[in-house]
Amino acid sequence: MSFQNKNKKEFENVYHKNKFNVYRIAMDYSGSHKESAEEIFQEVFLKLYTHFDTVDEEYMAAWLVTTTKNTAINYMKKRARECPKADIELFSDLHLKEYAESAEEHVFHKILQKEKVGYGWTILDALYEENENWYEAITMVYCMERKQKDVAESMGISIQALTGVLYRARKWVKIHYNSDDYTK
């Protein structure tokens, strides 16, 4: 048996012998948060794997307990300092824009904006189903903000023809999706 295979077998034995204890300690320190405990558990055994040759076999269980506790404490400290991206965006919006409205009105305003974006995608999907040329013209001119001259060239039509396509597409959208809820 080679040296690497011997170490691999020893590591597997230590892992199977201690995995439940390490997981239990990780769960205790993470407040029974399963995902956090699993990350702590993985980090502890990765540390053990990288330092396996330097850890004395006699103190292996104690090393695992101490490493699990310290890893969990550090993990929970780091996690406490994290701020979800949505909170950061909302916080920065509140400070970057001058709103005369309350925080609740600002949140409702953000929700309405997201609904409008969703509604826009619904309109574009329906426009694509109705007429692919309309969809192509609308997306290139209004969404991608390309010049009408360039769009007409890429579509292989004249500018006057593109103007007509855009007019018909806008008219179709107004007829089928003209709602006061989403035109504000």
Protein backbone atom coordinates (compact mmCIF):
# COMPACT_ATOMS: atom_id res chain seq x y z
CA MET A 1 0.00 0.00 0.00
CA SER A 2 1.41 3.38 -1.01
CA PHE A 3 1.79 6.32 1.35
CA GLN A 4 -1.03 8.30 -0.38
CA ASN A 5 -3.49 5.39 -0.19
CA LYS A 6 -2.64 4.90 3.51
CA ASN A 7 -3.30 8.61 4.24
CA LYS A 8 -6.52 8.49 2.23
CA LYS A 9 -7.78 5.50 4.19
CA GLU A 10 -6.81 7.13 7.49
CA PHE A 11 -8.56 10.35 6.51
CA GLU A 12 -11.71 8.44 5.53
CA ASN A 13 -11.67 6.62 8.88
CA VAL A 14 -11.31 9.90 10.80
CA TYR A 15 -14.07 11.45 8.66
CA HIS A 16 -16.56 8.63 9.26
CA LYS A 17 -15.70 8.46 12.96
CA ASN A 18 -16.17 12.24 13.56
CA LYS A 19 -18.63 13.52 10.96
CA PHE A 20 -21.72 13.43 13.20
CA ASN A 21 -19.96 15.21 16.06
CA VAL A 22 -18.59 17.93 13.76
CA TYR A 23 -22.01 18.43 12.15
CA ARG A 24 -23.74 18.60 15.57
CA ILE A 25 -21.29 21.27 16.78
CA ALA A 26 -21.74 23.22 13.53
CA MET A 27 -25.54 23.07 13.95
CA ASP A 28 -25.26 24.28 17.56
CA TYR A 29 -23.08 27.26 16.66
CA SER A 30 -25.09 28.17 13.54
CA GLY A 31 -28.38 28.30 15.43
CA SER A 32 -29.65 25.14 13.70
CA HIS A 33 -29.32 26.77 10.29
CA LYS A 34 -28.77 23.77 8.03
CA GLU A 35 -27.04 25.52 5.12
CA SER A 36 -24.62 27.33 7.41
CA ALA A 37 -23.84 24.14 9.32
CA GLU A 38 -23.13 22.31 6.07
CA GLU A 39 -20.74 25.05 4.92
CA ILE A 40 -18.95 24.98 8.29
CA PHE A 41 -18.79 21.17 8.15
CA GLN A 42 -17.24 21.24 4.68
CA GLU A 43 -14.73 23.91 5.65
CA VAL A 44 -13.62 21.96 8.74
CA PHE A 45 -12.98 18.77 6.81
CA LEU A 46 -11.21 20.69 4.07
CA LYS A 47 -8.91 22.15 6.73
CA LEU A 48 -8.38 18.68 8.13
CA TYR A 49 -7.57 17.34 4.68
CA THR A 50 -4.99 20.06 4.03
CA HIS A 51 -3.38 19.68 7.50
CA PHE A 52 -3.90 15.94 7.94
CA ASP A 53 -0.20 15.10 8.06
CA THR A 54 0.53 17.73 10.72
CA VAL A 55 -2.32 16.90 13.14
CA ASP A 56 -1.35 14.36 15.80
CA GLU A 57 -3.60 11.29 15.73
CA GLU A 58 -3.93 11.36 19.52
CA TYR A 59 -5.44 14.86 19.44
CA MET A 60 -7.49 14.48 16.23
CA ALA A 61 -10.92 14.59 17.96
CA ALA A 62 -9.96 17.62 20.06
CA TRP A 63 -8.53 19.35 16.97
CA LEU A 64 -11.80 18.76 15.11
CA VAL A 65 -13.93 20.10 17.99
CA THR A 66 -11.77 23.22 18.38
CA THR A 67 -11.56 23.83 14.63
CA THR A 68 -15.31 23.38 14.23
CA LYS A 69 -16.06 25.87 17.02
CA ASN A 70 -13.61 28.46 15.68
CA THR A 71 -14.77 28.01 12.08
CA ALA A 72 -18.40 28.35 13.15
CA ILE A 73 -17.71 31.48 15.20
CA ASN A 74 -15.82 33.10 12.32
CA TYR A 75 -18.47 32.05 9.82
CA MET A 76 -21.30 33.51 11.90
CA LYS A 77 -19.38 36.78 12.45
CA LYS A 78 -18.79 37.10 8.72
CA ARG A 79 -22.42 36.26 7.98
CA ALA A 80 -23.66 38.88 10.45
CA ARG A 81 -21.73 41.56 8.54
CA GLU A 82 -23.22 40.56 5.18
CA CYS A 83 -26.01 42.59 3.68
CA PRO A 84 -28.30 41.13 0.99
CA LYS A 85 -27.98 42.76 -2.42
CA ALA A 86 -31.66 43.77 -2.44
CA ASP A 87 -31.18 45.66 0.83
CA ILE A 88 -28.11 47.43 -0.57
CA GLU A 89 -30.01 48.50 -3.70
CA LEU A 90 -32.98 49.75 -1.69
CA PHE A 91 -30.71 51.58 0.78
CA SER A 92 -28.70 53.22 -2.01
CA ASP A 93 -31.90 54.20 -3.84
CA LEU A 94 -33.22 55.85 -0.69
CA HIS A 95 -30.06 57.93 -0.32
CA LEU A 96 -29.21 58.63 -3.95
CA LYS A 97 -32.63 59.89 -5.02
CA GLU A 98 -34.41 62.77 -3.43
CA TYR A 99 -37.91 61.53 -2.61
CA ALA A 100 -40.47 63.70 -0.93
CA GLU A 101 -42.43 60.57 -0.10
CA SER A 102 -42.17 58.22 2.85
CA ALA A 103 -40.12 55.03 2.87
CA GLU A 104 -43.28 52.95 2.37
CA GLU A 105 -44.24 54.96 -0.70
CA HIS A 106 -40.73 54.49 -2.06
CA VAL A 107 -40.97 50.70 -1.61
CA PHE A 108 -44.36 50.64 -3.36
CA HIS A 109 -42.85 52.75 -6.14
CA LYS A 110 -40.03 50.19 -6.58
CA ILE A 111 -42.55 47.31 -6.66
CA LEU A 112 -44.60 49.11 -9.30
CA GLN A 113 -41.47 49.65 -11.39
CA LYS A 114 -40.70 45.92 -11.27
CA GLU A 115 -44.29 45.13 -12.28
CA LYS A 116 -43.97 47.53 -15.22
CA VAL A 117 -40.80 45.78 -16.37
CA GLY A 118 -42.60 42.44 -16.18
CA TYR A 119 -45.52 43.91 -18.09
CA GLY A 120 -43.10 45.21 -20.72
CA TRP A 121 -41.72 41.73 -21.27
CA THR A 122 -45.30 40.45 -21.63
CA ILE A 123 -45.96 43.06 -24.31
CA LEU A 124 -42.73 42.23 -26.16
CA ASP A 125 -43.53 38.51 -26.07
CA ALA A 126 -47.01 39.17 -27.48
CA LEU A 127 -45.57 41.52 -30.09
CA TYR A 128 -43.14 38.80 -31.18
CA GLU A 129 -46.03 36.33 -31.52
CA GLU A 130 -48.05 38.86 -33.55
CA ASN A 131 -45.33 39.98 -35.96
CA GLU A 132 -41.59 39.26 -35.75
CA ASN A 133 -40.72 42.32 -37.88
CA TRP A 134 -42.57 44.61 -35.48
CA TYR A 135 -40.77 43.00 -32.56
CA GLU A 136 -37.38 43.38 -34.24
CA ALA A 137 -37.99 47.02 -35.12
CA ILE A 138 -39.34 47.95 -31.67
CA THR A 139 -36.53 46.24 -29.76
CA MET A 140 -33.77 47.69 -31.91
CA VAL A 141 -35.13 51.25 -31.96
CA TYR A 142 -36.64 51.61 -28.48
CA CYS A 143 -34.91 48.99 -26.32
CA MET A 144 -31.43 48.99 -27.86
CA GLU A 145 -31.72 52.70 -28.81
CA ARG A 146 -30.16 52.22 -32.22
CA LYS A 147 -30.55 54.87 -34.89
CA GLN A 148 -33.49 54.32 -37.22
CA LYS A 149 -31.21 54.62 -40.24
CA ASP A 150 -29.03 51.74 -38.96
CA VAL A 151 -32.06 49.63 -38.06
CA ALA A 152 -33.60 50.15 -41.50
CA GLU A 153 -30.33 49.08 -43.14
CA SER A 154 -30.01 45.96 -40.96
CA MET A 155 -33.63 45.01 -41.71
CA GLY A 156 -33.13 45.66 -45.43
CA ILE A 157 -35.91 48.26 -45.70
CA SER A 158 -36.10 52.02 -46.26
CA ILE A 159 -36.42 54.50 -43.41
CA GLN A 160 -39.99 55.29 -44.54
CA ALA A 161 -40.88 51.60 -44.39
CA LEU A 162 -39.33 51.35 -40.91
CA THR A 163 -41.38 54.36 -39.80
CA GLY A 164 -44.51 52.56 -40.98
CA VAL A 165 -43.53 49.34 -39.19
CA LEU A 166 -42.91 51.24 -35.95
CA TYR A 167 -46.21 53.10 -36.30
CA ARG A 168 -48.19 49.87 -36.83
CA ALA A 169 -46.40 48.14 -33.96
CA ARG A 170 -47.06 51.04 -31.55
CA LYS A 171 -50.69 51.17 -32.68
CA TRP A 172 -51.10 47.43 -32.06
CA VAL A 173 -49.58 47.76 -28.57
CA LYS A 174 -51.87 50.69 -27.74
CA ILE A 175 -54.95 48.79 -28.87
CA HIS A 176 -54.11 45.59 -26.99
CA TYR A 177 -52.27 46.93 -23.92
CA ASN A 178 -53.53 50.44 -23.24
CA SER A 179 -54.10 50.32 -19.51
CA ASP A 180 -54.05 53.26 -17.11
CA ASP A 181 -52.37 51.03 -14.52
CA TYR A 182 -49.22 50.73 -16.59
CA THR A 183 -49.05 54.02 -18.47
CA LYS A 184 -48.22 56.14 -15.42
